[in-house]
């Protein structure tokens, strides 16, 4: 049964701003399941929520970091509660936000995960970024609290920027503003599909994501993954408890893994380095040949004079 429709009825049912708010009773407690959404700041978490629910301003989106400062609770179609958690990872230059994260938001999130009846979690990660230590800590906390978690890799449309099409160094240099594309641009694959597989394997490896847990790709522009994520939420709501939701994740991923094998990063790195090395050697060889040709032409154009000949 669908719990997220094209047109959704939403109402805000609460906001948890402090650790003390987590222990307070909630009006919907035990009546509907609760699903939380966590992720790094500017990873596309708010955009995903708005796009998923087909609303404009449910979660506030901005390029400014730290806009979500509390755990906002939304009742969706009287079927489940969606919890929008604060982001993290503000960089070294945003000291005030880092201090607020350490002092307020981090204890709030850990208290919420440990003492709330959360049926499942959605962890949002930008497919283009390398996971940080904070990402690892949050996902580890989700596992320690036994919260079934679906990994959602957002900004799938950005994979096109990470794919480098195979080409001869000469033609690639003429069609690119880089002096040496093979050296200056990272090679994640010769097609978006290869780049997607490589980036996904990198995120799973950095997060130490369990082999039996799934991930999906999401894009608010191409609408990739929206129907898939809506079905996952419906499955979480239909599950009787966390154990059944966890079993759903494992069964679904086992079926997918048998059809499509994950990328071996060690093999991919060796192949990528070998392609870059061959391309660089070929480019240097052509440069040396061009220098020799120019030198020979210069020598042939110089006037010659026999020994002993008077001027």
Protein backbone atom coordinates (compact mmCIF):
# COMPACT_ATOMS: atom_id res chain seq x y z
CA UNK A 1 0.00 0.00 0.00
CA UNK A 2 1.30 3.43 -0.95
CA UNK A 3 1.93 5.82 1.91
CA UNK A 4 3.49 8.60 -0.20
CA UNK A 5 1.30 9.82 -3.03
CA UNK A 6 1.60 12.41 -5.78
CA UNK A 7 -0.47 14.72 -3.57
CA UNK A 8 0.34 14.38 0.13
CA UNK A 9 -1.30 15.73 3.26
CA UNK A 10 1.29 17.00 5.70
CA UNK A 11 1.23 18.59 9.10
CA UNK A 12 3.99 19.37 11.53
CA UNK A 13 3.52 17.43 14.74
CA UNK A 14 6.54 18.50 16.71
CA UNK A 15 10.12 19.65 16.89
CA UNK A 16 12.89 18.30 19.10
CA UNK A 17 15.35 21.09 19.85
CA UNK A 18 17.03 19.76 23.00
CA UNK A 19 17.89 16.44 24.59
CA UNK A 20 15.06 16.89 27.10
CA UNK A 21 12.51 17.11 24.29
CA UNK A 22 13.31 13.55 23.18
CA UNK A 23 11.89 12.04 26.37
CA UNK A 24 8.62 13.95 26.23
CA UNK A 25 5.53 11.97 25.11
CA UNK A 26 4.30 12.50 21.57
CA UNK A 27 0.68 12.48 20.49
CA UNK A 28 1.22 9.86 17.77
CA UNK A 29 3.40 7.53 19.85
CA UNK A 30 2.67 3.91 18.97
CA UNK A 31 0.00 4.83 16.43
CA UNK A 32 2.15 5.31 13.32
CA UNK A 33 5.75 4.37 12.51
CA UNK A 34 8.53 6.92 12.58
CA UNK A 35 11.22 7.17 9.90
CA UNK A 36 14.19 9.52 10.24
CA UNK A 37 16.36 11.12 7.55
CA UNK A 38 20.00 11.87 8.38
CA UNK A 39 22.91 13.16 6.36
CA UNK A 40 25.72 15.62 5.98
CA UNK A 41 24.93 19.29 5.44
CA UNK A 42 24.40 20.26 1.79
CA UNK A 43 24.26 16.59 0.78
CA UNK A 44 20.76 17.09 -0.63
CA UNK A 45 18.76 15.92 2.39
CA UNK A 46 16.22 18.76 2.38
CA UNK A 47 15.87 18.68 -1.40
CA UNK A 48 15.24 14.93 -1.23
CA UNK A 49 12.47 15.37 1.36
CA UNK A 50 10.74 18.10 -0.67
CA UNK A 51 11.03 16.12 -3.89
CA UNK A 52 9.93 12.87 -2.27
CA UNK A 53 6.77 14.45 -0.85
CA UNK A 54 6.21 16.63 -3.92
CA UNK A 55 6.23 19.77 -1.81
CA UNK A 56 8.23 22.98 -2.08
CA UNK A 57 9.04 24.10 1.43
CA UNK A 58 8.60 21.17 3.80
CA UNK A 59 12.33 21.12 4.53
CA UNK A 60 14.13 24.39 4.01
CA UNK A 61 16.79 24.22 1.31
CA UNK A 62 19.71 26.63 1.13
CA UNK A 63 23.36 26.78 0.22
CA UNK A 64 23.89 28.20 3.71
CA UNK A 65 25.01 25.51 6.12
CA UNK A 66 23.27 24.69 9.40
CA UNK A 67 19.76 25.75 8.36
CA UNK A 68 18.16 22.70 10.04
CA UNK A 69 18.84 23.18 13.75
CA UNK A 70 16.34 20.73 15.31
CA UNK A 71 14.66 17.40 14.60
CA UNK A 72 11.49 18.40 12.77
CA UNK A 73 8.62 15.89 12.81
CA UNK A 74 6.04 15.73 9.99
CA UNK A 75 2.94 13.55 9.79
CA UNK A 76 2.57 12.29 6.21
CA UNK A 77 -0.93 11.21 5.11
CA UNK A 78 -1.63 10.02 8.67
CA UNK A 79 0.46 6.97 7.74
CA UNK A 80 3.91 7.70 9.18
CA UNK A 81 6.04 10.42 10.73
CA UNK A 82 9.09 11.72 8.88
CA UNK A 83 11.86 13.09 11.11
CA UNK A 84 14.22 15.60 9.48
CA UNK A 85 17.46 15.57 11.47
CA UNK A 86 20.08 18.36 11.61
CA UNK A 87 22.99 18.18 9.21
CA UNK A 88 26.64 18.05 10.21
CA UNK A 89 30.10 18.52 8.72
CA UNK A 90 30.41 22.28 8.35
CA UNK A 91 34.11 22.53 7.57
CA UNK A 92 36.86 24.19 9.55
CA UNK A 93 35.88 27.71 8.51
CA UNK A 94 32.43 27.56 10.15
CA UNK A 95 33.52 27.48 13.77
CA UNK A 96 30.23 28.64 15.27
CA UNK A 97 28.26 25.84 13.59
CA UNK A 98 30.87 23.28 14.60
CA UNK A 99 30.58 24.38 18.22
CA UNK A 100 26.78 24.14 18.07
CA UNK A 101 27.08 20.68 16.55
CA UNK A 102 29.36 19.44 19.33
CA UNK A 103 27.38 21.14 22.09
CA UNK A 104 23.74 20.75 20.96
CA UNK A 105 22.99 18.81 17.79
CA UNK A 106 25.27 15.79 18.17
CA UNK A 107 23.96 14.88 21.67
CA UNK A 108 20.42 15.47 20.38
CA UNK A 109 20.82 13.04 17.48
CA UNK A 110 22.42 10.33 19.61
CA UNK A 111 19.74 10.71 22.28
CA UNK A 112 17.04 10.51 19.61
CA UNK A 113 18.46 7.35 18.06
CA UNK A 114 18.88 5.62 21.41
CA UNK A 115 15.56 6.50 23.05
CA UNK A 116 13.06 6.93 20.22
CA UNK A 117 10.93 4.27 18.60
CA UNK A 118 12.34 4.75 15.10
CA UNK A 119 11.21 2.06 12.68
CA UNK A 120 13.89 2.76 10.06
CA UNK A 121 16.34 5.42 8.86
CA UNK A 122 17.33 6.93 5.53
CA UNK A 123 20.96 8.02 5.38
CA UNK A 124 21.67 10.59 2.67
CA UNK A 125 25.12 10.85 1.07
CA UNK A 126 26.25 12.91 -1.91
CA UNK A 127 27.48 10.37 -4.45
CA UNK A 128 30.29 12.73 -5.53
CA UNK A 129 31.79 13.24 -2.06
CA UNK A 130 34.15 11.04 -0.08
CA UNK A 131 32.52 10.15 3.27
CA UNK A 132 34.03 11.83 6.33
CA UNK A 133 34.69 10.58 9.86
CA UNK A 134 31.41 12.18 10.96
CA UNK A 135 29.54 10.15 8.33
CA UNK A 136 31.16 7.01 9.67
CA UNK A 137 30.22 7.91 13.26
CA UNK A 138 26.57 8.54 12.40
CA UNK A 139 26.18 5.32 10.40
CA UNK A 140 27.95 3.42 13.17
CA UNK A 141 25.51 4.91 15.69
CA UNK A 142 22.59 3.77 13.54
CA UNK A 143 23.98 0.23 13.50
CA UNK A 144 24.68 0.24 17.24
CA UNK A 145 21.09 1.35 17.91
CA UNK A 146 19.87 -1.47 15.61
CA UNK A 147 18.04 0.95 13.31
CA UNK A 148 17.51 -0.54 9.80
CA UNK A 149 19.07 1.98 7.43
CA UNK A 150 18.72 2.54 3.71
CA UNK A 151 21.66 4.33 2.09
CA UNK A 152 20.48 6.91 -0.48
CA UNK A 153 23.14 8.43 -2.75
CA UNK A 154 21.86 11.79 -3.91
CA UNK A 155 22.79 14.07 -6.83
CA UNK A 156 23.00 11.15 -9.22
CA UNK A 157 22.89 13.60 -12.13
CA UNK A 158 26.32 14.84 -10.99
CA UNK A 159 27.83 11.49 -11.99
CA UNK A 160 28.05 12.79 -15.56
CA UNK A 161 30.67 15.26 -14.31
CA UNK A 162 32.71 12.41 -12.89
CA UNK A 163 32.71 10.21 -16.02
CA UNK A 164 35.62 10.59 -18.42
CA UNK A 165 35.06 9.22 -21.89
CA UNK A 166 37.92 7.21 -23.39
CA UNK A 167 39.66 9.10 -26.18
CA UNK A 168 43.06 9.53 -27.77
CA UNK A 169 45.20 12.03 -25.85
CA UNK A 170 45.53 14.27 -28.90
CA UNK A 171 41.79 14.47 -29.58
CA UNK A 172 40.99 14.77 -25.87
CA UNK A 173 43.44 17.63 -25.50
CA UNK A 174 41.95 19.49 -28.43
CA UNK A 175 38.37 19.13 -27.12
CA UNK A 176 39.11 20.00 -23.50
CA UNK A 177 40.37 23.09 -21.73
CA UNK A 178 42.73 20.88 -19.71
CA UNK A 179 46.30 20.59 -20.95
CA UNK A 180 46.35 16.90 -20.14
CA UNK A 181 42.87 15.46 -19.40
CA UNK A 182 44.26 12.04 -18.47
CA UNK A 183 46.35 13.61 -15.72
CA UNK A 184 44.26 16.61 -14.62
CA UNK A 185 40.82 14.95 -14.48
CA UNK A 186 40.07 11.92 -12.27
CA UNK A 187 39.09 8.83 -14.22
CA UNK A 188 36.05 7.17 -12.63
CA UNK A 189 35.03 5.20 -15.70
CA UNK A 190 34.42 5.47 -19.42
CA UNK A 191 30.64 5.89 -18.98
CA UNK A 192 28.18 7.15 -16.36
CA UNK A 193 27.33 3.55 -15.45
CA UNK A 194 30.97 2.74 -14.67
CA UNK A 195 31.40 6.00 -12.76
CA UNK A 196 28.23 5.27 -10.76
CA UNK A 197 29.48 1.79 -9.85
CA UNK A 198 32.93 3.08 -8.83
CA UNK A 199 31.59 5.99 -6.75
CA UNK A 200 29.02 3.75 -5.06
CA UNK A 201 31.67 1.21 -4.12
CA UNK A 202 33.86 4.01 -2.75
CA UNK A 203 31.09 5.31 -0.49
CA UNK A 204 30.17 1.84 0.73
CA UNK A 205 33.81 1.08 1.47
CA UNK A 206 34.49 4.35 3.32
CA UNK A 207 31.30 4.01 5.39
CA UNK A 208 32.09 0.33 6.07
CA UNK A 209 28.60 -0.35 4.84
CA UNK A 210 27.58 -3.97 5.51
CA UNK A 211 27.58 -6.24 2.47
CA UNK A 212 23.99 -7.30 3.17
CA UNK A 213 22.59 -3.72 3.25
CA UNK A 214 21.32 -1.96 0.11
CA UNK A 215 21.71 1.48 -1.40
CA UNK A 216 19.81 3.38 -4.07
CA UNK A 217 20.59 6.40 -6.25
CA UNK A 218 18.48 9.54 -6.25
CA UNK A 219 18.21 12.69 -8.36
CA UNK A 220 15.71 15.52 -7.91
CA UNK A 221 16.26 16.61 -11.52
CA UNK A 222 15.82 13.35 -13.39
CA UNK A 223 13.47 11.95 -10.69
CA UNK A 224 15.66 8.88 -10.55
CA UNK A 225 14.94 6.76 -7.49
CA UNK A 226 11.84 8.58 -6.22
CA UNK A 227 9.39 5.76 -6.88
CA UNK A 228 11.94 3.29 -5.52
CA UNK A 229 12.35 5.25 -2.29
CA UNK A 230 8.58 5.59 -1.90
CA UNK A 231 8.24 1.81 -2.12
CA UNK A 232 10.92 1.37 0.52
CA UNK A 233 9.09 3.73 2.88
CA UNK A 234 5.86 1.79 2.30
CA UNK A 235 7.72 -1.42 3.15
CA UNK A 236 9.11 0.10 6.35
CA UNK A 237 5.62 1.20 7.38
CA UNK A 238 4.24 -2.28 6.69
CA UNK A 239 6.92 -3.97 8.79
CA UNK A 240 5.80 -4.95 12.30
CA UNK A 241 9.13 -4.12 13.93
CA UNK A 242 12.76 -3.29 13.22
CA UNK A 243 13.70 -6.93 12.75
CA UNK A 244 11.24 -7.33 9.89
CA UNK A 245 12.39 -4.07 8.29
CA UNK A 246 16.00 -5.24 8.56
CA UNK A 247 15.07 -8.55 6.97
CA UNK A 248 13.40 -6.70 4.06
CA UNK A 249 16.61 -4.77 3.40
CA UNK A 250 18.78 -7.87 3.48
CA UNK A 251 16.51 -9.93 1.22
CA UNK A 252 16.18 -7.15 -1.34
CA UNK A 253 19.94 -6.59 -1.48
CA UNK A 254 20.74 -10.28 -1.75
CA UNK A 255 18.57 -10.48 -4.87
CA UNK A 256 20.25 -7.43 -6.37
CA UNK A 257 23.77 -8.58 -5.51
CA UNK A 258 23.27 -11.89 -7.32
CA UNK A 259 22.29 -10.02 -10.50
CA UNK A 260 24.95 -7.29 -10.40
CA UNK A 261 28.32 -7.74 -8.78
CA UNK A 262 29.81 -4.81 -6.88
CA UNK A 263 32.97 -3.16 -8.13
CA UNK A 264 36.27 -4.33 -6.68
CA UNK A 265 37.97 -1.05 -5.83
CA UNK A 266 41.46 -2.53 -5.78
CA UNK A 267 41.05 -3.82 -9.34
CA UNK A 268 39.42 -0.57 -10.46
CA UNK A 269 42.25 1.50 -9.04
CA UNK A 270 44.88 -0.61 -10.80
CA UNK A 271 43.03 -0.40 -14.09
CA UNK A 272 42.49 3.35 -13.71
CA UNK A 273 46.17 3.96 -12.90
CA UNK A 274 47.25 1.79 -15.82
CA UNK A 275 45.03 3.73 -18.23
CA UNK A 276 46.38 7.03 -16.93
CA UNK A 277 49.98 5.80 -17.18
CA UNK A 278 49.57 4.57 -20.77
CA UNK A 279 47.81 7.77 -21.79
CA UNK A 280 50.48 9.92 -20.18
CA UNK A 281 53.31 7.96 -21.82
CA UNK A 282 51.62 8.24 -25.20
CA UNK A 283 51.19 11.98 -24.75
CA UNK A 284 54.83 12.43 -23.79
CA UNK A 285 56.00 10.30 -26.68
CA UNK A 286 54.09 12.45 -29.15
CA UNK A 287 55.46 15.60 -27.56
CA UNK A 288 59.03 14.27 -27.92
CA UNK A 289 58.41 13.33 -31.56
CA UNK A 290 57.04 16.80 -32.26
CA UNK A 291 60.09 18.44 -30.66
CA UNK A 292 62.45 16.27 -32.74
CA UNK A 293 60.55 17.11 -35.92
CA UNK A 294 60.73 20.84 -35.21
CA UNK A 295 64.44 20.57 -34.43
CA UNK A 296 65.13 18.75 -37.71
CA UNK A 297 63.17 21.32 -39.68
CA UNK A 298 65.13 24.12 -38.03
CA UNK A 299 68.45 22.44 -38.81
CA UNK A 300 67.47 21.83 -42.45
CA UNK A 301 66.59 25.51 -42.89
CA UNK A 302 69.98 26.72 -41.59
CA UNK A 303 72.50 27.77 -44.32
CA UNK A 304 75.54 25.47 -44.72
CA UNK A 305 79.11 26.47 -45.55
CA UNK A 306 82.04 24.25 -46.55
CA UNK A 307 85.26 24.29 -44.54
CA UNK A 308 87.82 26.81 -45.87
CA UNK A 309 85.26 28.62 -48.01
CA UNK A 310 85.67 32.40 -47.90
CA UNK A 311 82.78 34.59 -47.04
